[in-house]
PDBML (XML) file of the C-alpha atoms, coordinates in Angstrom:
<?xml version="1.0" encoding="UTF-8" ?>
<PDBx:datablock datablockName="MODEL"
   xmlns:PDBx="http://pdbml.pdb.org/schema/pdbx-v50.xsd"
   xmlns:xsi="http://www.w3.org/2001/XMLSchema-instance"
   xsi:schemaLocation="http://pdbml.pdb.org/schema/pdbx-v50.xsd pdbx-v50.xsd">
   <PDBx:atom_siteCategory>
      <PDBx:atom_site id="1">
         <PDBx:B_iso_or_equiv>0.00</PDBx:B_iso_or_equiv>
         <PDBx:Cartn_x>-25.074</PDBx:Cartn_x>
         <PDBx:Cartn_y>58.903</PDBx:Cartn_y>
         <PDBx:Cartn_z>36.821</PDBx:Cartn_z>
         <PDBx:auth_asym_id>A</PDBx:auth_asym_id>
         <PDBx:auth_atom_id>CA</PDBx:auth_atom_id>
         <PDBx:auth_comp_id>UNK</PDBx:auth_comp_id>
         <PDBx:auth_seq_id>1</PDBx:auth_seq_id>
         <PDBx:group_PDB>ATOM</PDBx:group_PDB>
         <PDBx:label_alt_id xsi:nil="true" />
         <PDBx:label_asym_id>A</PDBx:label_asym_id>
         <PDBx:label_atom_id>CA</PDBx:label_atom_id>
         <PDBx:label_comp_id>UNK</PDBx:label_comp_id>
         <PDBx:label_entity_id>1</PDBx:label_entity_id>
         <PDBx:label_seq_id>1</PDBx:label_seq_id>
         <PDBx:occupancy>1.00</PDBx:occupancy>
         <PDBx:pdbx_PDB_model_num>1</PDBx:pdbx_PDB_model_num>
         <PDBx:type_symbol>C</PDBx:type_symbol>
      </PDBx:atom_site>
      <PDBx:atom_site id="2">
         <PDBx:B_iso_or_equiv>0.00</PDBx:B_iso_or_equiv>
         <PDBx:Cartn_x>-23.167</PDBx:Cartn_x>
         <PDBx:Cartn_y>57.649</PDBx:Cartn_y>
         <PDBx:Cartn_z>39.812</PDBx:Cartn_z>
         <PDBx:auth_asym_id>A</PDBx:auth_asym_id>
         <PDBx:auth_atom_id>CA</PDBx:auth_atom_id>
         <PDBx:auth_comp_id>UNK</PDBx:auth_comp_id>
         <PDBx:auth_seq_id>2</PDBx:auth_seq_id>
         <PDBx:group_PDB>ATOM</PDBx:group_PDB>
         <PDBx:label_alt_id xsi:nil="true" />
         <PDBx:label_asym_id>A</PDBx:label_asym_id>
         <PDBx:label_atom_id>CA</PDBx:label_atom_id>
         <PDBx:label_comp_id>UNK</PDBx:label_comp_id>
         <PDBx:label_entity_id>1</PDBx:label_entity_id>
         <PDBx:label_seq_id>2</PDBx:label_seq_id>
         <PDBx:occupancy>1.00</PDBx:occupancy>
         <PDBx:pdbx_PDB_model_num>1</PDBx:pdbx_PDB_model_num>
         <PDBx:type_symbol>C</PDBx:type_symbol>
      </PDBx:atom_site>
      <PDBx:atom_site id="3">
         <PDBx:B_iso_or_equiv>0.00</PDBx:B_iso_or_equiv>
         <PDBx:Cartn_x>-23.935</PDBx:Cartn_x>
         <PDBx:Cartn_y>58.496</PDBx:Cartn_y>
         <PDBx:Cartn_z>43.450</PDBx:Cartn_z>
         <PDBx:auth_asym_id>A</PDBx:auth_asym_id>
         <PDBx:auth_atom_id>CA</PDBx:auth_atom_id>
         <PDBx:auth_comp_id>UNK</PDBx:auth_comp_id>
         <PDBx:auth_seq_id>3</PDBx:auth_seq_id>
         <PDBx:group_PDB>ATOM</PDBx:group_PDB>
         <PDBx:label_alt_id xsi:nil="true" />
         <PDBx:label_asym_id>A</PDBx:label_asym_id>
         <PDBx:label_atom_id>CA</PDBx:label_atom_id>
         <PDBx:label_comp_id>UNK</PDBx:label_comp_id>
         <PDBx:label_entity_id>1</PDBx:label_entity_id>
         <PDBx:label_seq_id>3</PDBx:label_seq_id>
         <PDBx:occupancy>1.00</PDBx:occupancy>
         <PDBx:pdbx_PDB_model_num>1</PDBx:pdbx_PDB_model_num>
         <PDBx:type_symbol>C</PDBx:type_symbol>
      </PDBx:atom_site>
      <PDBx:atom_site id="4">
         <PDBx:B_iso_or_equiv>0.00</PDBx:B_iso_or_equiv>
         <PDBx:Cartn_x>-22.584</PDBx:Cartn_x>
         <PDBx:Cartn_y>57.403</PDBx:Cartn_y>
         <PDBx:Cartn_z>46.728</PDBx:Cartn_z>
         <PDBx:auth_asym_id>A</PDBx:auth_asym_id>
         <PDBx:auth_atom_id>CA</PDBx:auth_atom_id>
         <PDBx:auth_comp_id>UNK</PDBx:auth_comp_id>
         <PDBx:auth_seq_id>4</PDBx:auth_seq_id>
         <PDBx:group_PDB>ATOM</PDBx:group_PDB>
         <PDBx:label_alt_id xsi:nil="true" />
         <PDBx:label_asym_id>A</PDBx:label_asym_id>
         <PDBx:label_atom_id>CA</PDBx:label_atom_id>
         <PDBx:label_comp_id>UNK</PDBx:label_comp_id>
         <PDBx:label_entity_id>1</PDBx:label_entity_id>
         <PDBx:label_seq_id>4</PDBx:label_seq_id>
         <PDBx:occupancy>1.00</PDBx:occupancy>
         <PDBx:pdbx_PDB_model_num>1</PDBx:pdbx_PDB_model_num>
         <PDBx:type_symbol>C</PDBx:type_symbol>
      </PDBx:atom_site>
      <PDBx:atom_site id="5">
         <PDBx:B_iso_or_equiv>0.00</PDBx:B_iso_or_equiv>
         <PDBx:Cartn_x>-24.440</PDBx:Cartn_x>
         <PDBx:Cartn_y>55.046</PDBx:Cartn_y>
         <PDBx:Cartn_z>49.087</PDBx:Cartn_z>
         <PDBx:auth_asym_id>A</PDBx:auth_asym_id>
         <PDBx:auth_atom_id>CA</PDBx:auth_atom_id>
         <PDBx:auth_comp_id>UNK</PDBx:auth_comp_id>
         <PDBx:auth_seq_id>5</PDBx:auth_seq_id>
         <PDBx:group_PDB>ATOM</PDBx:group_PDB>
         <PDBx:label_alt_id xsi:nil="true" />
         <PDBx:label_asym_id>A</PDBx:label_asym_id>
         <PDBx:label_atom_id>CA</PDBx:label_atom_id>
         <PDBx:label_comp_id>UNK</PDBx:label_comp_id>
         <PDBx:label_entity_id>1</PDBx:label_entity_id>
         <PDBx:label_seq_id>5</PDBx:label_seq_id>
         <PDBx:occupancy>1.00</PDBx:occupancy>
         <PDBx:pdbx_PDB_model_num>1</PDBx:pdbx_PDB_model_num>
         <PDBx:type_symbol>C</PDBx:type_symbol>
      </PDBx:atom_site>
      <PDBx:atom_site id="6">
         <PDBx:B_iso_or_equiv>0.00</PDBx:B_iso_or_equiv>
         <PDBx:Cartn_x>-24.565</PDBx:Cartn_x>
         <PDBx:Cartn_y>57.817</PDBx:Cartn_y>
         <PDBx:Cartn_z>51.705</PDBx:Cartn_z>
         <PDBx:auth_asym_id>A</PDBx:auth_asym_id>
         <PDBx:auth_atom_id>CA</PDBx:auth_atom_id>
         <PDBx:auth_comp_id>UNK</PDBx:auth_comp_id>
         <PDBx:auth_seq_id>6</PDBx:auth_seq_id>
         <PDBx:group_PDB>ATOM</PDBx:group_PDB>
         <PDBx:label_alt_id xsi:nil="true" />
         <PDBx:label_asym_id>A</PDBx:label_asym_id>
         <PDBx:label_atom_id>CA</PDBx:label_atom_id>
         <PDBx:label_comp_id>UNK</PDBx:label_comp_id>
         <PDBx:label_entity_id>1</PDBx:label_entity_id>
         <PDBx:label_seq_id>6</PDBx:label_seq_id>
         <PDBx:occupancy>1.00</PDBx:occupancy>
         <PDBx:pdbx_PDB_model_num>1</PDBx:pdbx_PDB_model_num>
         <PDBx:type_symbol>C</PDBx:type_symbol>
      </PDBx:atom_site>
      <PDBx:atom_site id="7">
         <PDBx:B_iso_or_equiv>0.00</PDBx:B_iso_or_equiv>
         <PDBx:Cartn_x>-26.754</PDBx:Cartn_x>
         <PDBx:Cartn_y>60.054</PDBx:Cartn_y>
         <PDBx:Cartn_z>49.557</PDBx:Cartn_z>
         <PDBx:auth_asym_id>A</PDBx:auth_asym_id>
         <PDBx:auth_atom_id>CA</PDBx:auth_atom_id>
         <PDBx:auth_comp_id>UNK</PDBx:auth_comp_id>
         <PDBx:auth_seq_id>7</PDBx:auth_seq_id>
         <PDBx:group_PDB>ATOM</PDBx:group_PDB>
         <PDBx:label_alt_id xsi:nil="true" />
         <PDBx:label_asym_id>A</PDBx:label_asym_id>
         <PDBx:label_atom_id>CA</PDBx:label_atom_id>
         <PDBx:label_comp_id>UNK</PDBx:label_comp_id>
         <PDBx:label_entity_id>1</PDBx:label_entity_id>
         <PDBx:label_seq_id>7</PDBx:label_seq_id>
         <PDBx:occupancy>1.00</PDBx:occupancy>
         <PDBx:pdbx_PDB_model_num>1</PDBx:pdbx_PDB_model_num>
         <PDBx:type_symbol>C</PDBx:type_symbol>
      </PDBx:atom_site>
      <PDBx:atom_site id="8">
         <PDBx:B_iso_or_equiv>0.00</PDBx:B_iso_or_equiv>
         <PDBx:Cartn_x>-28.484</PDBx:Cartn_x>
         <PDBx:Cartn_y>57.592</PDBx:Cartn_y>
         <PDBx:Cartn_z>47.310</PDBx:Cartn_z>
         <PDBx:auth_asym_id>A</PDBx:auth_asym_id>
         <PDBx:auth_atom_id>CA</PDBx:auth_atom_id>
         <PDBx:auth_comp_id>UNK</PDBx:auth_comp_id>
         <PDBx:auth_seq_id>8</PDBx:auth_seq_id>
         <PDBx:group_PDB>ATOM</PDBx:group_PDB>
         <PDBx:label_alt_id xsi:nil="true" />
         <PDBx:label_asym_id>A</PDBx:label_asym_id>
         <PDBx:label_atom_id>CA</PDBx:label_atom_id>
         <PDBx:label_comp_id>UNK</PDBx:label_comp_id>
         <PDBx:label_entity_id>1</PDBx:label_entity_id>
         <PDBx:label_seq_id>8</PDBx:label_seq_id>
         <PDBx:occupancy>1.00</PDBx:occupancy>
         <PDBx:pdbx_PDB_model_num>1</PDBx:pdbx_PDB_model_num>
         <PDBx:type_symbol>C</PDBx:type_symbol>
      </PDBx:atom_site>
      <PDBx:atom_site id="9">
         <PDBx:B_iso_or_equiv>0.00</PDBx:B_iso_or_equiv>
         <PDBx:Cartn_x>-32.237</PDBx:Cartn_x>
         <PDBx:Cartn_y>58.309</PDBx:Cartn_y>
         <PDBx:Cartn_z>47.186</PDBx:Cartn_z>
         <PDBx:auth_asym_id>A</PDBx:auth_asym_id>
         <PDBx:auth_atom_id>CA</PDBx:auth_atom_id>
         <PDBx:auth_comp_id>UNK</PDBx:auth_comp_id>
         <PDBx:auth_seq_id>9</PDBx:auth_seq_id>
         <PDBx:group_PDB>ATOM</PDBx:group_PDB>
         <PDBx:label_alt_id xsi:nil="true" />
         <PDBx:label_asym_id>A</PDBx:label_asym_id>
         <PDBx:label_atom_id>CA</PDBx:label_atom_id>
         <PDBx:label_comp_id>UNK</PDBx:label_comp_id>
         <PDBx:label_entity_id>1</PDBx:label_entity_id>
         <PDBx:label_seq_id>9</PDBx:label_seq_id>
         <PDBx:occupancy>1.00</PDBx:occupancy>
         <PDBx:pdbx_PDB_model_num>1</PDBx:pdbx_PDB_model_num>
         <PDBx:type_symbol>C</PDBx:type_symbol>
      </PDBx:atom_site>
      <PDBx:atom_site id="10">
         <PDBx:B_iso_or_equiv>0.00</PDBx:B_iso_or_equiv>
         <PDBx:Cartn_x>-31.739</PDBx:Cartn_x>
         <PDBx:Cartn_y>61.749</PDBx:Cartn_y>
         <PDBx:Cartn_z>48.746</PDBx:Cartn_z>
         <PDBx:auth_asym_id>A</PDBx:auth_asym_id>
         <PDBx:auth_atom_id>CA</PDBx:auth_atom_id>
         <PDBx:auth_comp_id>UNK</PDBx:auth_comp_id>
         <PDBx:auth_seq_id>10</PDBx:auth_seq_id>
         <PDBx:group_PDB>ATOM</PDBx:group_PDB>
         <PDBx:label_alt_id xsi:nil="true" />
         <PDBx:label_asym_id>A</PDBx:label_asym_id>
         <PDBx:label_atom_id>CA</PDBx:label_atom_id>
         <PDBx:label_comp_id>UNK</PDBx:label_comp_id>
         <PDBx:label_entity_id>1</PDBx:label_entity_id>
         <PDBx:label_seq_id>10</PDBx:label_seq_id>
         <PDBx:occupancy>1.00</PDBx:occupancy>
         <PDBx:pdbx_PDB_model_num>1</PDBx:pdbx_PDB_model_num>
         <PDBx:type_symbol>C</PDBx:type_symbol>
      </PDBx:atom_site>
      <PDBx:atom_site id="11">
         <PDBx:B_iso_or_equiv>0.00</PDBx:B_iso_or_equiv>
         <PDBx:Cartn_x>-29.500</PDBx:Cartn_x>
         <PDBx:Cartn_y>63.746</PDBx:Cartn_y>
         <PDBx:Cartn_z>46.354</PDBx:Cartn_z>
         <PDBx:auth_asym_id>A</PDBx:auth_asym_id>
         <PDBx:auth_atom_id>CA</PDBx:auth_atom_id>
         <PDBx:auth_comp_id>UNK</PDBx:auth_comp_id>
         <PDBx:auth_seq_id>11</PDBx:auth_seq_id>
         <PDBx:group_PDB>ATOM</PDBx:group_PDB>
         <PDBx:label_alt_id xsi:nil="true" />
         <PDBx:label_asym_id>A</PDBx:label_asym_id>
         <PDBx:label_atom_id>CA</PDBx:label_atom_id>
         <PDBx:label_comp_id>UNK</PDBx:label_comp_id>
         <PDBx:label_entity_id>1</PDBx:label_entity_id>
         <PDBx:label_seq_id>11</PDBx:label_seq_id>
         <PDBx:occupancy>1.00</PDBx:occupancy>
         <PDBx:pdbx_PDB_model_num>1</PDBx:pdbx_PDB_model_num>
         <PDBx:type_symbol>C</PDBx:type_symbol>
      </PDBx:atom_site>
      <PDBx:atom_site id="12">
         <PDBx:B_iso_or_equiv>0.00</PDBx:B_iso_or_equiv>
         <PDBx:Cartn_x>-29.863</PDBx:Cartn_x>
         <PDBx:Cartn_y>64.200</PDBx:Cartn_y>
         <PDBx:Cartn_z>42.598</PDBx:Cartn_z>
         <PDBx:auth_asym_id>A</PDBx:auth_asym_id>
         <PDBx:auth_atom_id>CA</PDBx:auth_atom_id>
         <PDBx:auth_comp_id>UNK</PDBx:auth_comp_id>
         <PDBx:auth_seq_id>12</PDBx:auth_seq_id>
         <PDBx:group_PDB>ATOM</PDBx:group_PDB>
         <PDBx:label_alt_id xsi:nil="true" />
         <PDBx:label_asym_id>A</PDBx:label_asym_id>
         <PDBx:label_atom_id>CA</PDBx:label_atom_id>
         <PDBx:label_comp_id>UNK</PDBx:label_comp_id>
         <PDBx:label_entity_id>1</PDBx:label_entity_id>
         <PDBx:label_seq_id>12</PDBx:label_seq_id>
         <PDBx:occupancy>1.00</PDBx:occupancy>
         <PDBx:pdbx_PDB_model_num>1</PDBx:pdbx_PDB_model_num>
         <PDBx:type_symbol>C</PDBx:type_symbol>
      </PDBx:atom_site>
      <PDBx:atom_site id="13">
         <PDBx:B_iso_or_equiv>0.00</PDBx:B_iso_or_equiv>
         <PDBx:Cartn_x>-27.205</PDBx:Cartn_x>
         <PDBx:Cartn_y>65.360</PDBx:Cartn_y>
         <PDBx:Cartn_z>40.170</PDBx:Cartn_z>
         <PDBx:auth_asym_id>A</PDBx:auth_asym_id>
         <PDBx:auth_atom_id>CA</PDBx:auth_atom_id>
         <PDBx:auth_comp_id>UNK</PDBx:auth_comp_id>
         <PDBx:auth_seq_id>13</PDBx:auth_seq_id>
         <PDBx:group_PDB>ATOM</PDBx:group_PDB>
         <PDBx:label_alt_id xsi:nil="true" />
         <PDBx:label_asym_id>A</PDBx:label_asym_id>
         <PDBx:label_atom_id>CA</PDBx:label_atom_id>
         <PDBx:label_comp_id>UNK</PDBx:label_comp_id>
         <PDBx:label_entity_id>1</PDBx:label_entity_id>
         <PDBx:label_seq_id>13</PDBx:label_seq_id>
         <PDBx:occupancy>1.00</PDBx:occupancy>
         <PDBx:pdbx_PDB_model_num>1</PDBx:pdbx_PDB_model_num>
         <PDBx:type_symbol>C</PDBx:type_symbol>
      </PDBx:atom_site>
      <PDBx:atom_site id="14">
         <PDBx:B_iso_or_equiv>0.00</PDBx:B_iso_or_equiv>
         <PDBx:Cartn_x>-28.196</PDBx:Cartn_x>
         <PDBx:Cartn_y>66.933</PDBx:Cartn_y>
         <PDBx:Cartn_z>36.842</PDBx:Cartn_z>
         <PDBx:auth_asym_id>A</PDBx:auth_asym_id>
         <PDBx:auth_atom_id>CA</PDBx:auth_atom_id>
         <PDBx:auth_comp_id>UNK</PDBx:auth_comp_id>
         <PDBx:auth_seq_id>14</PDBx:auth_seq_id>
         <PDBx:group_PDB>ATOM</PDBx:group_PDB>
         <PDBx:label_alt_id xsi:nil="true" />
         <PDBx:label_asym_id>A</PDBx:label_asym_id>
         <PDBx:label_atom_id>CA</PDBx:label_atom_id>
         <PDBx:label_comp_id>UNK</PDBx:label_comp_id>
         <PDBx:label_entity_id>1</PDBx:label_entity_id>
         <PDBx:label_seq_id>14</PDBx:label_seq_id>
         <PDBx:occupancy>1.00</PDBx:occupancy>
         <PDBx:pdbx_PDB_model_num>1</PDBx:pdbx_PDB_model_num>
         <PDBx:type_symbol>C</PDBx:type_symbol>
      </PDBx:atom_site>
      <PDBx:atom_site id="15">
         <PDBx:B_iso_or_equiv>0.00</PDBx:B_iso_or_equiv>
         <PDBx:Cartn_x>-26.774</PDBx:Cartn_x>
         <PDBx:Cartn_y>69.241</PDBx:Cartn_y>
         <PDBx:Cartn_z>34.234</PDBx:Cartn_z>
         <PDBx:auth_asym_id>A</PDBx:auth_asym_id>
         <PDBx:auth_atom_id>CA</PDBx:auth_atom_id>
         <PDBx:auth_comp_id>UNK</PDBx:auth_comp_id>
         <PDBx:auth_seq_id>15</PDBx:auth_seq_id>
         <PDBx:group_PDB>ATOM</PDBx:group_PDB>
         <PDBx:label_alt_id xsi:nil="true" />
         <PDBx:label_asym_id>A</PDBx:label_asym_id>
         <PDBx:label_atom_id>CA</PDBx:label_atom_id>
         <PDBx:label_comp_id>UNK</PDBx:label_comp_id>
         <PDBx:label_entity_id>1</PDBx:label_entity_id>
         <PDBx:label_seq_id>15</PDBx:label_seq_id>
         <PDBx:occupancy>1.00</PDBx:occupancy>
         <PDBx:pdbx_PDB_model_num>1</PDBx:pdbx_PDB_model_num>
         <PDBx:type_symbol>C</PDBx:type_symbol>
      </PDBx:atom_site>
      <PDBx:atom_site id="16">
         <PDBx:B_iso_or_equiv>0.00</PDBx:B_iso_or_equiv>
         <PDBx:Cartn_x>-27.910</PDBx:Cartn_x>
         <PDBx:Cartn_y>71.793</PDBx:Cartn_y>
         <PDBx:Cartn_z>31.758</PDBx:Cartn_z>
         <PDBx:auth_asym_id>A</PDBx:auth_asym_id>
         <PDBx:auth_atom_id>CA</PDBx:auth_atom_id>
         <PDBx:auth_comp_id>UNK</PDBx:auth_comp_id>
         <PDBx:auth_seq_id>16</PDBx:auth_seq_id>
         <PDBx:group_PDB>ATOM</PDBx:group_PDB>
         <PDBx:label_alt_id xsi:nil="true" />
         <PDBx:label_asym_id>A</PDBx:label_asym_id>
         <PDBx:label_atom_id>CA</PDBx:label_atom_id>
         <PDBx:label_comp_id>UNK</PDBx:label_comp_id>
         <PDBx:label_entity_id>1</PDBx:label_entity_id>
         <PDBx:label_seq_id>16</PDBx:label_seq_id>
         <PDBx:occupancy>1.00</PDBx:occupancy>
         <PDBx:pdbx_PDB_model_num>1</PDBx:pdbx_PDB_model_num>
         <PDBx:type_symbol>C</PDBx:type_symbol>
      </PDBx:atom_site>
      <PDBx:atom_site id="17">
         <PDBx:B_iso_or_equiv>0.00</PDBx:B_iso_or_equiv>
         <PDBx:Cartn_x>-25.429</PDBx:Cartn_x>
         <PDBx:Cartn_y>71.960</PDBx:Cartn_y>
         <PDBx:Cartn_z>28.941</PDBx:Cartn_z>
         <PDBx:auth_asym_id>A</PDBx:auth_asym_id>
         <PDBx:auth_atom_id>CA</PDBx:auth_atom_id>
         <PDBx:auth_comp_id>UNK</PDBx:auth_comp_id>
         <PDBx:auth_seq_id>17</PDBx:auth_seq_id>
         <PDBx:group_PDB>ATOM</PDBx:group_PDB>
         <PDBx:label_alt_id xsi:nil="true" />
         <PDBx:label_asym_id>A</PDBx:label_asym_id>
         <PDBx:label_atom_id>CA</PDBx:label_atom_id>
         <PDBx:label_comp_id>UNK</PDBx:label_comp_id>
         <PDBx:label_entity_id>1</PDBx:label_entity_id>
         <PDBx:label_seq_id>17</PDBx:label_seq_id>
         <PDBx:occupancy>1.00</PDBx:occupancy>
         <PDBx:pdbx_PDB_model_num>1</PDBx:pdbx_PDB_model_num>
         <PDBx:type_symbol>C</PDBx:type_symbol>
      </PDBx:atom_site>
      <PDBx:atom_site id="18">
         <PDBx:B_iso_or_equiv>0.00</PDBx:B_iso_or_equiv>
         <PDBx:Cartn_x>-27.109</PDBx:Cartn_x>
         <PDBx:Cartn_y>74.989</PDBx:Cartn_y>
         <PDBx:Cartn_z>27.404</PDBx:Cartn_z>
         <PDBx:auth_asym_id>A</PDBx:auth_asym_id>
         <PDBx:auth_atom_id>CA</PDBx:auth_atom_id>
         <PDBx:auth_comp_id>UNK</PDBx:auth_comp_id>
         <PDBx:auth_seq_id>18</PDBx:auth_seq_id>
         <PDBx:group_PDB>ATOM</PDBx:group_PDB>
         <PDBx:label_alt_id xsi:nil="true" />
         <PDBx:label_asym_id>A</PDBx:label_asym_id>
         <PDBx:label_atom_id>CA</PDBx:label_atom_id>
         <PDBx:label_comp_id>UNK</PDBx:label_comp_id>
         <PDBx:label_entity_id>1</PDBx:label_entity_id>
         <PDBx:label_seq_id>18</PDBx:label_seq_id>
         <PDBx:occupancy>1.00</PDBx:occupancy>
         <PDBx:pdbx_PDB_model_num>1</PDBx:pdbx_PDB_model_num>
         <PDBx:type_symbol>C</PDBx:type_symbol>
      </PDBx:atom_site>
      <PDBx:atom_site id="19">
         <PDBx:B_iso_or_equiv>0.00</PDBx:B_iso_or_equiv>
         <PDBx:Cartn_x>-26.418</PDBx:Cartn_x>
         <PDBx:Cartn_y>76.947</PDBx:Cartn_y>
         <PDBx:Cartn_z>30.532</PDBx:Cartn_z>
         <PDBx:auth_asym_id>A</PDBx:auth_asym_id>
         <PDBx:auth_atom_id>CA</PDBx:auth_atom_id>
         <PDBx:auth_comp_id>UNK</PDBx:auth_comp_id>
         <PDBx:auth_seq_id>19</PDBx:auth_seq_id>
         <PDBx:group_PDB>ATOM</PDBx:group_PDB>
         <PDBx:label_alt_id xsi:nil="true" />
         <PDBx:label_asym_id>A</PDBx:label_asym_id>
         <PDBx:label_atom_id>CA</PDBx:label_atom_id>
         <PDBx:label_comp_id>UNK</PDBx:label_comp_id>
         <PDBx:label_entity_id>1</PDBx:label_entity_id>
         <PDBx:label_seq_id>19</PDBx:label_seq_id>
         <PDBx:occupancy>1.00</PDBx:occupancy>
         <PDBx:pdbx_PDB_model_num>1</PDBx:pdbx_PDB_model_num>
         <PDBx:type_symbol>C</PDBx:type_symbol>
      </PDBx:atom_site>
      <PDBx:atom_site id="20">
         <PDBx:B_iso_or_equiv>0.00</PDBx:B_iso_or_equiv>
         <PDBx:Cartn_x>-23.025</PDBx:Cartn_x>
         <PDBx:Cartn_y>75.268</PDBx:Cartn_y>
         <PDBx:Cartn_z>31.305</PDBx:Cartn_z>
         <PDBx:auth_asym_id>A</PDBx:auth_asym_id>
         <PDBx:auth_atom_id>CA</PDBx:auth_atom_id>
         <PDBx:auth_comp_id>UNK</PDBx:auth_comp_id>
         <PDBx:auth_seq_id>20</PDBx:auth_seq_id>
         <PDBx:group_PDB>ATOM</PDBx:group_PDB>
         <PDBx:label_alt_id xsi:nil="true" />
         <PDBx:label_asym_id>A</PDBx:label_asym_id>
         <PDBx:label_atom_id>CA</PDBx:label_atom_id>
         <PDBx:label_comp_id>UNK</PDBx:label_comp_id>
         <PDBx:label_entity_id>1</PDBx:label_entity_id>
         <PDBx:label_seq_id>20</PDBx:label_seq_id>
         <PDBx:occupancy>1.00</PDBx:occupancy>
         <PDBx:pdbx_PDB_model_num>1</PDBx:pdbx_PDB_model_num>
         <PDBx:type_symbol>C</PDBx:type_symbol>
      </PDBx:atom_site>
      <PDBx:atom_site id="21">
         <PDBx:B_iso_or_equiv>0.00</PDBx:B_iso_or_equiv>
         <PDBx:Cartn_x>-24.348</PDBx:Cartn_x>
         <PDBx:Cartn_y>74.438</PDBx:Cartn_y>
         <PDBx:Cartn_z>34.745</PDBx:Cartn_z>
         <PDBx:auth_asym_id>A</PDBx:auth_asym_id>
         <PDBx:auth_atom_id>CA</PDBx:auth_atom_id>
         <PDBx:auth_comp_id>UNK</PDBx:auth_comp_id>
         <PDBx:auth_seq_id>21</PDBx:auth_seq_id>
         <PDBx:group_PDB>ATOM</PDBx:group_PDB>
         <PDBx:label_alt_id xsi:nil="true" />
         <PDBx:label_asym_id>A</PDBx:label_asym_id>
         <PDBx:label_atom_id>CA</PDBx:label_atom_id>
         <PDBx:label_comp_id>UNK</PDBx:label_comp_id>
         <PDBx:label_entity_id>1</PDBx:label_entity_id>
         <PDBx:label_seq_id>21</PDBx:label_seq_id>
         <PDBx:occupancy>1.00</PDBx:occupancy>
         <PDBx:pdbx_PDB_model_num>1</PDBx:pdbx_PDB_model_num>
         <PDBx:type_symbol>C</PDBx:type_symbol>
      </PDBx:atom_site>
      <PDBx:atom_site id="22">
         <PDBx:B_iso_or_equiv>0.00</PDBx:B_iso_or_equiv>
         <PDBx:Cartn_x>-24.393</PDBx:Cartn_x>
         <PDBx:Cartn_y>71.310</PDBx:Cartn_y>
         <PDBx:Cartn_z>36.917</PDBx:Cartn_z>
         <PDBx:auth_asym_id>A</PDBx:auth_asym_id>
         <PDBx:auth_atom_id>CA</PDBx:auth_atom_id>
         <PDBx:auth_comp_id>UNK</PDBx:auth_comp_id>
         <PDBx:auth_seq_id>22</PDBx:auth_seq_id>
         <PDBx:group_PDB>ATOM</PDBx:group_PDB>
         <PDBx:label_alt_id xsi:nil="true" />
         <PDBx:label_asym_id>A</PDBx:label_asym_id>
         <PDBx:label_atom_id>CA</PDBx:label_atom_id>
         <PDBx:label_comp_id>UNK</PDBx:label_comp_id>
         <PDBx:label_entity_id>1</PDBx:label_entity_id>
         <PDBx:label_seq_id>22</PDBx:label_seq_id>
         <PDBx:occupancy>1.00</PDBx:occupancy>
         <PDBx:pdbx_PDB_model_num>1</PDBx:pdbx_PDB_model_num>
         <PDBx:type_symbol>C</PDBx:type_symbol>
      </PDBx:atom_site>
      <PDBx:atom_site id="23">
         <PDBx:B_iso_or_equiv>0.00</PDBx:B_iso_or_equiv>
         <PDBx:Cartn_x>-26.705</PDBx:Cartn_x>
         <PDBx:Cartn_y>70.959</PDBx:Cartn_y>
         <PDBx:Cartn_z>39.848</PDBx:Cartn_z>
         <PDBx:auth_asym_id>A</PDBx:auth_asym_id>
         <PDBx:auth_atom_id>CA</PDBx:auth_atom_id>
         <PDBx:auth_comp_id>UNK</PDBx:auth_comp_id>
         <PDBx:auth_seq_id>23</PDBx:auth_seq_id>
         <PDBx:group_PDB>ATOM</PDBx:group_PDB>
         <PDBx:label_alt_id xsi:nil="true" />
         <PDBx:label_asym_id>A</PDBx:label_asym_id>
         <PDBx:label_atom_id>CA</PDBx:label_atom_id>
         <PDBx:label_comp_id>UNK</PDBx:label_comp_id>
         <PDBx:label_entity_id>1</PDBx:label_entity_id>
         <PDBx:label_seq_id>23</PDBx:label_seq_id>
         <PDBx:occupancy>1.00</PDBx:occupancy>
         <PDBx:pdbx_PDB_model_num>1</PDBx:pdbx_PDB_model_num>
         <PDBx:type_symbol>C</PDBx:type_symbol>
      </PDBx:atom_site>
      <PDBx:atom_site id="24">
         <PDBx:B_iso_or_equiv>0.00</PDBx:B_iso_or_equiv>
         <PDBx:Cartn_x>-27.020</PDBx:Cartn_x>
         <PDBx:Cartn_y>68.899</PDBx:Cartn_y>
         <PDBx:Cartn_z>43.062</PDBx:Cartn_z>
         <PDBx:auth_asym_id>A</PDBx:auth_asym_id>
         <PDBx:auth_atom_id>CA</PDBx:auth_atom_id>
         <PDBx:auth_comp_id>UNK</PDBx:auth_comp_id>
         <PDBx:auth_seq_id>24</PDBx:auth_seq_id>
         <PDBx:group_PDB>ATOM</PDBx:group_PDB>
         <PDBx:label_alt_id xsi:nil="true" />
         <PDBx:label_asym_id>A</PDBx:label_asym_id>
         <PDBx:label_atom_id>CA</PDBx:label_atom_id>
         <PDBx:label_comp_id>UNK</PDBx:label_comp_id>
         <PDBx:label_entity_id>1</PDBx:label_entity_id>
         <PDBx:label_seq_id>24</PDBx:label_seq_id>
         <PDBx:occupancy>1.00</PDBx:occupancy>
         <PDBx:pdbx_PDB_model_num>1</PDBx:pdbx_PDB_model_num>
         <PDBx:type_symbol>C</PDBx:type_symbol>
      </PDBx:atom_site>
   </PDBx:atom_siteCategory>
</PDBx:datablock>
């Protein structure tokens, strides 16, 4: 997982491959 300095610690990316969905 990569995230930018501006959102680090506040935003989280994840994905559910069974649902073909990515979240923020």
